[in-house]
Amino acid sequence: MRLLVVEDDPILRRQLVDRLGHGGYAVDAAGDGEEAAFLGATEPYDAIVLDLGLPKRDGLSVLRGWRGAGITVPVLILTARDHWHDKVLGIDAGADDYLGKPFHVEELLARIRALIRRAQGHASSEIRVGPLLLDTRSGTVVIDDRPLDLTAYEFRILSYLMHHAGEVMSRTELTEHVYAQDFDRDSNTVEVFVGRLRKKLGANLITTVRGLGYRLECPSDEER
C-alpha cells in the first residue's frame, strides 16, 4: 500500500514517513500545497494524510481540487486540536477522517488502516482469503494457521493482492502501489517477488492472467 504524507513541518514529516514506512507502507511526502496537489493528481495512492496549514496552497483548496477532479482516494486531514471548525470544513470538502494535533502515531496508523479497509470493502482488521489471513494491525500473514516469513516487499505485494482478492492486478499497478516515488522502480522485480510468494504460498493461489497481470484467487465456499 502506498501513502502520501503532506506536512510542512520537516521534522514531523520525516517522523511520519519513517514510522509509516516501518508500518509496511510505501510513503511519498510533500511539504507544500502545490506539490501535494500535483502528486495527489498524478500518482495512485491508497490513502493521503493531509495537513491543512500548508504554504503556497492551503490543504482545503488542495482537497477540493482533488475531489473536483474525481479523485476519490481516502484522505485523513490533520488539524490543530482546538480548531474544530477546520474539521467541519475538511469533512465538507471531502475528507474521510480527521486527527487533531498533537496525536499518537499509533492512532494515525489505525485510522489509515481503517480508511484503506473501508475503501476496499473490508469491515474487519483481519482479511481472509482462502487459507490466508492478513492481520492489518500487526502486519502479519498466516497460511493455514502457520505464520509466513515475508520480506517487506513480499508483504506489500501480498497485502495489496489480498485487499483486491479476485481482481486482476497488472505488474505496473503493483509496482505503483508497493514502491515510493523516489524508488528506482522496475516492474520486472514484481515478477521476482511474485515467484517467491508462490513458493511460500503454493503455486495455485496467485495465478497469472496472460497479458494482464496477477490475481489472488478467492476460493468459493465449496472450495474452502
C-alpha atoms as a PDB file:
ATOM      1  CA  MET A   1       0.000   0.000   0.000  1.00  0.00           C
ATOM      2  CA  ARG A   2       1.238   3.475  -0.893  1.00  0.00           C
ATOM      3  CA  LEU A   3       0.628   6.668   1.064  1.00  0.00           C
ATOM      4  CA  LEU A   4       1.179  10.388   0.585  1.00  0.00           C
ATOM      5  CA  VAL A   5       2.062  12.461   3.659  1.00  0.00           C
ATOM      6  CA  VAL A   6       1.525  16.205   3.269  1.00  0.00           C
ATOM      7  CA  GLU A   7       3.058  18.161   6.161  1.00  0.00           C
ATOM      8  CA  ASP A   8       5.036  21.409   6.088  1.00  0.00           C
ATOM      9  CA  ASP A   9       6.933  20.781   9.345  1.00  0.00           C
ATOM     10  CA  PRO A  10      10.071  18.957   8.117  1.00  0.00           C
ATOM     11  CA  ILE A  11      10.740  17.192  11.421  1.00  0.00           C
ATOM     12  CA  LEU A  12       7.182  15.864  11.774  1.00  0.00           C
ATOM     13  CA  ARG A  13       7.085  14.980   8.071  1.00  0.00           C
ATOM     14  CA  ARG A  14      10.270  12.919   8.369  1.00  0.00           C
ATOM     15  CA  GLN A  15       8.993  11.219  11.522  1.00  0.00           C
ATOM     16  CA  LEU A  16       5.724  10.280   9.828  1.00  0.00           C
ATOM     17  CA  VAL A  17       7.464   8.977   6.704  1.00  0.00           C
ATOM     18  CA  ASP A  18       9.799   6.838   8.799  1.00  0.00           C
ATOM     19  CA  ARG A  19       7.087   5.485  11.087  1.00  0.00           C
ATOM     20  CA  LEU A  20       4.643   4.723   8.287  1.00  0.00           C
ATOM     21  CA  GLY A  21       7.450   3.106   6.318  1.00  0.00           C
ATOM     22  CA  HIS A  22       8.184   0.840   9.269  1.00  0.00           C
ATOM     23  CA  GLY A  23       4.456   0.101   9.343  1.00  0.00           C
ATOM     24  CA  GLY A  24       4.750  -1.592   5.948  1.00  0.00           C
ATOM     25  CA  TYR A  25       3.747   1.259   3.621  1.00  0.00           C
ATOM     26  CA  ALA A  26       5.488   2.857   0.662  1.00  0.00           C
ATOM     27  CA  VAL A  27       5.438   6.571   1.526  1.00  0.00           C
ATOM     28  CA  ASP A  28       5.817   9.751  -0.521  1.00  0.00           C
ATOM     29  CA  ALA A  29       5.964  13.168   1.110  1.00  0.00           C
ATOM     30  CA  ALA A  30       5.137  16.759   0.188  1.00  0.00           C
ATOM     31  CA  GLY A  31       5.922  19.918   2.132  1.00  0.00           C
ATOM     32  CA  ASP A  32       3.613  22.412   0.438  1.00  0.00           C
ATOM     33  CA  GLY A  33       0.188  22.555  -1.166  1.00  0.00           C
ATOM     34  CA  GLU A  34       1.335  22.865  -4.762  1.00  0.00           C
ATOM     35  CA  GLU A  35       3.488  19.752  -4.611  1.00  0.00           C
ATOM     36  CA  ALA A  36       0.722  17.900  -2.787  1.00  0.00           C
ATOM     37  CA  ALA A  37      -1.881  18.873  -5.393  1.00  0.00           C
ATOM     38  CA  PHE A  38       0.370  17.609  -8.196  1.00  0.00           C
ATOM     39  CA  LEU A  39       1.292  14.301  -6.537  1.00  0.00           C
ATOM     40  CA  GLY A  40      -2.272  13.547  -5.484  1.00  0.00           C
ATOM     41  CA  ALA A  41      -3.497  14.165  -9.023  1.00  0.00           C
ATOM     42  CA  THR A  42      -0.820  12.159 -10.813  1.00  0.00           C
ATOM     43  CA  GLU A  43       0.142   9.272  -8.507  1.00  0.00           C
ATOM     44  CA  PRO A  44      -2.080   6.328  -7.443  1.00  0.00           C
ATOM     45  CA  TYR A  45      -2.211   6.449  -3.638  1.00  0.00           C
ATOM     46  CA  ASP A  46      -4.162   4.189  -1.337  1.00  0.00           C
ATOM     47  CA  ALA A  47      -4.570   6.947   1.274  1.00  0.00           C
ATOM     48  CA  ILE A  48      -3.379  10.506   1.903  1.00  0.00           C
ATOM     49  CA  VAL A  49      -2.532  12.258   5.187  1.00  0.00           C
ATOM     50  CA  LEU A  50      -3.130  15.972   4.609  1.00  0.00           C
ATOM     51  CA  ASP A  51      -2.212  18.861   6.905  1.00  0.00           C
ATOM     52  CA  LEU A  52      -4.456  21.879   6.375  1.00  0.00           C
ATOM     53  CA  GLY A  53      -1.983  24.649   7.196  1.00  0.00           C
ATOM     54  CA  LEU A  54       0.322  24.498   4.167  1.00  0.00           C
ATOM     55  CA  PRO A  55       2.454  27.070   2.325  1.00  0.00           C
ATOM     56  CA  LYS A  56       1.805  28.020  -1.314  1.00  0.00           C
ATOM     57  CA  ARG A  57      -1.675  26.458  -1.267  1.00  0.00           C
ATOM     58  CA  ASP A  58      -3.815  25.549   1.735  1.00  0.00           C
ATOM     59  CA  GLY A  59      -4.905  21.988   2.412  1.00  0.00           C
ATOM     60  CA  LEU A  60      -8.617  22.640   1.957  1.00  0.00           C
ATOM     61  CA  SER A  61      -8.012  24.059  -1.515  1.00  0.00           C
ATOM     62  CA  VAL A  62      -5.895  21.035  -2.399  1.00  0.00           C
ATOM     63  CA  LEU A  63      -8.564  18.642  -1.149  1.00  0.00           C
ATOM     64  CA  ARG A  64     -11.350  20.433  -3.026  1.00  0.00           C
ATOM     65  CA  GLY A  65      -9.235  20.286  -6.174  1.00  0.00           C
ATOM     66  CA  TRP A  66      -8.796  16.524  -5.874  1.00  0.00           C
ATOM     67  CA  ARG A  67     -12.465  15.903  -5.255  1.00  0.00           C
ATOM     68  CA  GLY A  68     -13.460  18.250  -8.057  1.00  0.00           C
ATOM     69  CA  ALA A  69     -11.243  16.226 -10.396  1.00  0.00           C
ATOM     70  CA  GLY A  70     -12.977  12.998  -9.346  1.00  0.00           C
ATOM     71  CA  ILE A  71     -10.076  11.692  -7.245  1.00  0.00           C
ATOM     72  CA  THR A  72     -11.640   9.501  -4.567  1.00  0.00           C
ATOM     73  CA  VAL A  73      -8.557   8.347  -2.628  1.00  0.00           C
ATOM     74  CA  PRO A  74      -9.265   8.292   1.143  1.00  0.00           C
ATOM     75  CA  VAL A  75      -7.950  11.447   2.829  1.00  0.00           C
ATOM     76  CA  LEU A  76      -7.250  11.970   6.525  1.00  0.00           C
ATOM     77  CA  ILE A  77      -6.769  15.606   7.485  1.00  0.00           C
ATOM     78  CA  LEU A  78      -4.562  16.828  10.308  1.00  0.00           C
ATOM     79  CA  THR A  79      -5.836  19.818  12.253  1.00  0.00           C
ATOM     80  CA  ALA A  80      -4.951  21.858  15.320  1.00  0.00           C
ATOM     81  CA  ARG A  81      -6.847  20.305  18.216  1.00  0.00           C
ATOM     82  CA  ASP A  82      -8.789  23.466  19.133  1.00  0.00           C
ATOM     83  CA  HIS A  83      -9.768  24.356  15.561  1.00  0.00           C
ATOM     84  CA  TRP A  84     -12.983  22.347  15.428  1.00  0.00           C
ATOM     85  CA  HIS A  85     -14.269  24.413  12.505  1.00  0.00           C
ATOM     86  CA  ASP A  86     -11.334  23.210  10.387  1.00  0.00           C
ATOM     87  CA  LYS A  87     -12.549  19.658  10.952  1.00  0.00           C
ATOM     88  CA  VAL A  88     -16.033  20.567   9.757  1.00  0.00           C
ATOM     89  CA  LEU A  89     -14.672  22.367   6.707  1.00  0.00           C
ATOM     90  CA  GLY A  90     -12.412  19.423   5.935  1.00  0.00           C
ATOM     91  CA  ILE A  91     -15.202  16.867   6.111  1.00  0.00           C
ATOM     92  CA  ASP A  92     -17.437  19.080   3.973  1.00  0.00           C
ATOM     93  CA  ALA A  93     -14.604  19.440   1.437  1.00  0.00           C
ATOM     94  CA  GLY A  94     -14.407  15.671   1.048  1.00  0.00           C
ATOM     95  CA  ALA A  95     -12.128  14.369   3.807  1.00  0.00           C
ATOM     96  CA  ASP A  96     -12.843  10.870   5.106  1.00  0.00           C
ATOM     97  CA  ASP A  97     -11.410  11.325   8.596  1.00  0.00           C
ATOM     98  CA  TYR A  98      -9.515  13.821  10.736  1.00  0.00           C
ATOM     99  CA  LEU A  99      -6.996  13.773  13.550  1.00  0.00           C
ATOM    100  CA  GLY A 100      -6.108  16.617  15.886  1.00  0.00           C
ATOM    101  CA  LYS A 101      -2.567  17.678  16.659  1.00  0.00           C
ATOM    102  CA  PRO A 102      -0.733  16.574  18.725  1.00  0.00           C
ATOM    103  CA  PHE A 103      -1.531  12.920  18.106  1.00  0.00           C
ATOM    104  CA  HIS A 104      -0.142   9.454  18.719  1.00  0.00           C
ATOM    105  CA  VAL A 105       1.269   7.836  15.585  1.00  0.00           C
ATOM    106  CA  GLU A 106      -0.365   4.538  16.557  1.00  0.00           C
ATOM    107  CA  GLU A 107      -3.771   6.210  16.283  1.00  0.00           C
ATOM    108  CA  LEU A 108      -2.827   7.624  12.897  1.00  0.00           C
ATOM    109  CA  LEU A 109      -1.810   4.156  11.723  1.00  0.00           C
ATOM    110  CA  ALA A 110      -5.081   2.660  12.978  1.00  0.00           C
ATOM    111  CA  ARG A 111      -7.115   5.310  11.164  1.00  0.00           C
ATOM    112  CA  ILE A 112      -5.166   4.803   7.932  1.00  0.00           C
ATOM    113  CA  ARG A 113      -5.698   1.044   8.111  1.00  0.00           C
ATOM    114  CA  ALA A 114      -9.428   1.621   8.610  1.00  0.00           C
ATOM    115  CA  LEU A 115      -9.652   4.036   5.665  1.00  0.00           C
ATOM    116  CA  ILE A 116      -7.896   1.615   3.323  1.00  0.00           C
ATOM    117  CA  ARG A 117     -10.017  -1.325   4.504  1.00  0.00           C
ATOM    118  CA  ARG A 118     -13.279   0.542   4.039  1.00  0.00           C
ATOM    119  CA  ALA A 119     -12.224   1.791   0.611  1.00  0.00           C
ATOM    120  CA  GLN A 120     -11.796  -1.840  -0.463  1.00  0.00           C
ATOM    121  CA  GLY A 121     -14.992  -3.048   1.223  1.00  0.00           C
ATOM    122  CA  HIS A 122     -13.385  -4.757   4.235  1.00  0.00           C
ATOM    123  CA  ALA A 123     -15.037  -4.194   7.604  1.00  0.00           C
ATOM    124  CA  SER A 124     -12.606  -6.115   9.809  1.00  0.00           C
ATOM    125  CA  SER A 125      -8.935  -5.516  10.585  1.00  0.00           C
ATOM    126  CA  GLU A 126      -8.394  -9.146   9.577  1.00  0.00           C
ATOM    127  CA  ILE A 127      -8.719 -10.052   5.899  1.00  0.00           C
ATOM    128  CA  ARG A 128      -9.133 -13.709   4.990  1.00  0.00           C
ATOM    129  CA  VAL A 129      -8.680 -15.137   1.505  1.00  0.00           C
ATOM    130  CA  GLY A 130      -8.940 -18.919   1.440  1.00  0.00           C
ATOM    131  CA  PRO A 131      -6.172 -20.284   3.704  1.00  0.00           C
ATOM    132  CA  LEU A 132      -4.575 -16.835   4.064  1.00  0.00           C
ATOM    133  CA  LEU A 133      -5.239 -14.460   6.960  1.00  0.00           C
ATOM    134  CA  LEU A 134      -3.844 -10.920   6.949  1.00  0.00           C
ATOM    135  CA  ASP A 135      -3.840  -9.038  10.259  1.00  0.00           C
ATOM    136  CA  THR A 136      -3.593  -5.394   9.229  1.00  0.00           C
ATOM    137  CA  ARG A 137      -2.910  -4.308  12.827  1.00  0.00           C
ATOM    138  CA  SER A 138       0.223  -6.391  13.305  1.00  0.00           C
ATOM    139  CA  GLY A 139       1.243  -6.560   9.642  1.00  0.00           C
ATOM    140  CA  THR A 140       1.424 -10.344   9.667  1.00  0.00           C
ATOM    141  CA  VAL A 141       0.100 -13.056   7.360  1.00  0.00           C
ATOM    142  CA  VAL A 142      -0.594 -16.685   8.234  1.00  0.00           C
ATOM    143  CA  ILE A 143      -1.482 -19.563   5.940  1.00  0.00           C
ATOM    144  CA  ASP A 144      -3.400 -22.477   7.432  1.00  0.00           C
ATOM    145  CA  ASP A 145      -2.577 -21.006  10.879  1.00  0.00           C
ATOM    146  CA  ARG A 146       1.159 -21.032  10.065  1.00  0.00           C
ATOM    147  CA  PRO A 147       2.970 -17.657  10.138  1.00  0.00           C
ATOM    148  CA  LEU A 148       4.561 -16.641   6.848  1.00  0.00           C
ATOM    149  CA  ASP A 149       8.098 -15.268   6.846  1.00  0.00           C
ATOM    150  CA  LEU A 150       7.905 -12.438   4.301  1.00  0.00           C
ATOM    151  CA  THR A 151      10.283  -9.685   3.242  1.00  0.00           C
ATOM    152  CA  ALA A 152       8.969  -6.114   3.296  1.00  0.00           C
ATOM    153  CA  TYR A 153       8.219  -6.080  -0.427  1.00  0.00           C
ATOM    154  CA  GLU A 154       6.725  -9.567  -0.429  1.00  0.00           C
ATOM    155  CA  PHE A 155       4.384  -8.395   2.319  1.00  0.00           C
ATOM    156  CA  ARG A 156       3.409  -5.238   0.411  1.00  0.00           C
ATOM    157  CA  ILE A 157       2.577  -7.187  -2.733  1.00  0.00           C
ATOM    158  CA  LEU A 158       0.646  -9.886  -0.899  1.00  0.00           C
ATOM    159  CA  SER A 159      -1.215  -7.314   1.198  1.00  0.00           C
ATOM    160  CA  TYR A 160      -2.253  -5.409  -1.926  1.00  0.00           C
ATOM    161  CA  LEU A 161      -3.387  -8.603  -3.641  1.00  0.00           C
ATOM    162  CA  MET A 162      -5.368  -9.643  -0.547  1.00  0.00           C
ATOM    163  CA  HIS A 163      -7.107  -6.258  -0.358  1.00  0.00           C
ATOM    164  CA  HIS A 164      -8.062  -6.814  -4.026  1.00  0.00           C
ATOM    165  CA  ALA A 165      -8.639 -10.574  -3.945  1.00  0.00           C
ATOM    166  CA  GLY A 166     -10.238 -11.934  -7.105  1.00  0.00           C
ATOM    167  CA  GLU A 167      -9.209  -8.878  -9.151  1.00  0.00           C
ATOM    168  CA  VAL A 168      -6.501  -8.833 -11.805  1.00  0.00           C
ATOM    169  CA  MET A 169      -3.602  -6.548 -10.852  1.00  0.00           C
ATOM    170  CA  SER A 170      -1.116  -5.581 -13.547  1.00  0.00           C
ATOM    171  CA  ARG A 171       2.615  -5.507 -12.855  1.00  0.00           C
ATOM    172  CA  THR A 172       2.526  -1.750 -13.383  1.00  0.00           C
ATOM    173  CA  GLU A 173      -0.221  -1.300 -10.811  1.00  0.00           C
ATOM    174  CA  LEU A 174       1.591  -3.444  -8.274  1.00  0.00           C
ATOM    175  CA  THR A 175       4.795  -1.509  -8.901  1.00  0.00           C
ATOM    176  CA  GLU A 176       2.994   1.808  -8.384  1.00  0.00           C
ATOM    177  CA  HIS A 177       1.473   0.671  -5.089  1.00  0.00           C
ATOM    178  CA  VAL A 178       4.462  -1.004  -3.418  1.00  0.00           C
ATOM    179  CA  TYR A 179       7.256   1.467  -4.243  1.00  0.00           C
ATOM    180  CA  ALA A 180       7.571   5.113  -3.240  1.00  0.00           C
ATOM    181  CA  GLN A 181       8.063   7.728  -5.940  1.00  0.00           C
ATOM    182  CA  ASP A 182      11.815   8.129  -5.391  1.00  0.00           C
ATOM    183  CA  PHE A 183      12.492   4.384  -5.629  1.00  0.00           C
ATOM    184  CA  ASP A 184      14.134   3.014  -8.764  1.00  0.00           C
ATOM    185  CA  ARG A 185      11.119   1.088  -9.957  1.00  0.00           C
ATOM    186  CA  ASP A 186      11.374  -1.970 -12.146  1.00  0.00           C
ATOM    187  CA  SER A 187       8.192  -3.893 -12.892  1.00  0.00           C
ATOM    188  CA  ASN A 188      10.297  -6.998 -13.561  1.00  0.00           C
ATOM    189  CA  THR A 189      11.165  -7.046  -9.866  1.00  0.00           C
ATOM    190  CA  VAL A 190       7.495  -7.605  -9.096  1.00  0.00           C
ATOM    191  CA  GLU A 191       7.662 -10.805 -11.126  1.00  0.00           C
ATOM    192  CA  VAL A 192      10.551 -11.984  -8.947  1.00  0.00           C
ATOM    193  CA  PHE A 193       8.632 -11.254  -5.731  1.00  0.00           C
ATOM    194  CA  VAL A 194       5.504 -12.980  -7.045  1.00  0.00           C
ATOM    195  CA  GLY A 195       7.635 -16.027  -7.834  1.00  0.00           C
ATOM    196  CA  ARG A 196       8.941 -16.065  -4.273  1.00  0.00           C
ATOM    197  CA  LEU A 197       5.434 -15.695  -2.885  1.00  0.00           C
ATOM    198  CA  ARG A 198       4.226 -18.646  -4.942  1.00  0.00           C
ATOM    199  CA  LYS A 199       6.933 -20.819  -3.397  1.00  0.00           C
ATOM    200  CA  LYS A 200       5.799 -19.789   0.091  1.00  0.00           C
ATOM    201  CA  LEU A 201       2.039 -19.928  -0.571  1.00  0.00           C
ATOM    202  CA  GLY A 202       1.696 -22.695  -3.108  1.00  0.00           C
ATOM    203  CA  ALA A 203       1.597 -22.091  -6.850  1.00  0.00           C
ATOM    204  CA  ASN A 204      -2.199 -22.210  -7.146  1.00  0.00           C
ATOM    205  CA  LEU A 205      -3.056 -19.159  -5.016  1.00  0.00           C
ATOM    206  CA  ILE A 206      -1.563 -16.462  -7.266  1.00  0.00           C
ATOM    207  CA  THR A 207      -2.421 -17.019 -10.899  1.00  0.00           C
ATOM    208  CA  THR A 208      -1.084 -15.265 -13.983  1.00  0.00           C
ATOM    209  CA  VAL A 209      -3.664 -13.818 -16.350  1.00  0.00           C
ATOM    210  CA  ARG A 210      -1.766 -13.726 -19.611  1.00  0.00           C
ATOM    211  CA  GLY A 211      -1.197 -10.222 -20.890  1.00  0.00           C
ATOM    212  CA  LEU A 212      -2.971  -8.628 -17.926  1.00  0.00           C
ATOM    213  CA  GLY A 213      -1.241  -9.423 -14.643  1.00  0.00           C
ATOM    214  CA  TYR A 214      -1.772 -11.405 -11.466  1.00  0.00           C
ATOM    215  CA  ARG A 215      -4.803 -12.429  -9.454  1.00  0.00           C
ATOM    216  CA  LEU A 216      -5.018 -13.793  -5.930  1.00  0.00           C
ATOM    217  CA  GLU A 217      -7.656 -16.464  -6.207  1.00  0.00           C
ATOM    218  CA  CYS A 218     -10.628 -16.129  -3.884  1.00  0.00           C
ATOM    219  CA  PRO A 219     -11.944 -19.691  -3.301  1.00  0.00           C
ATOM    220  CA  SER A 220     -15.673 -20.295  -3.312  1.00  0.00           C
ATOM    221  CA  ASP A 221     -17.347 -21.549  -0.146  1.00  0.00           C
ATOM    222  CA  GLU A 222     -17.325 -25.087  -1.580  1.00  0.00           C
ATOM    223  CA  GLU A 223     -13.561 -24.954  -2.049  1.00  0.00           C
ATOM    224  CA  ARG A 224     -12.779 -23.643   1.445  1.00  0.00           C
END
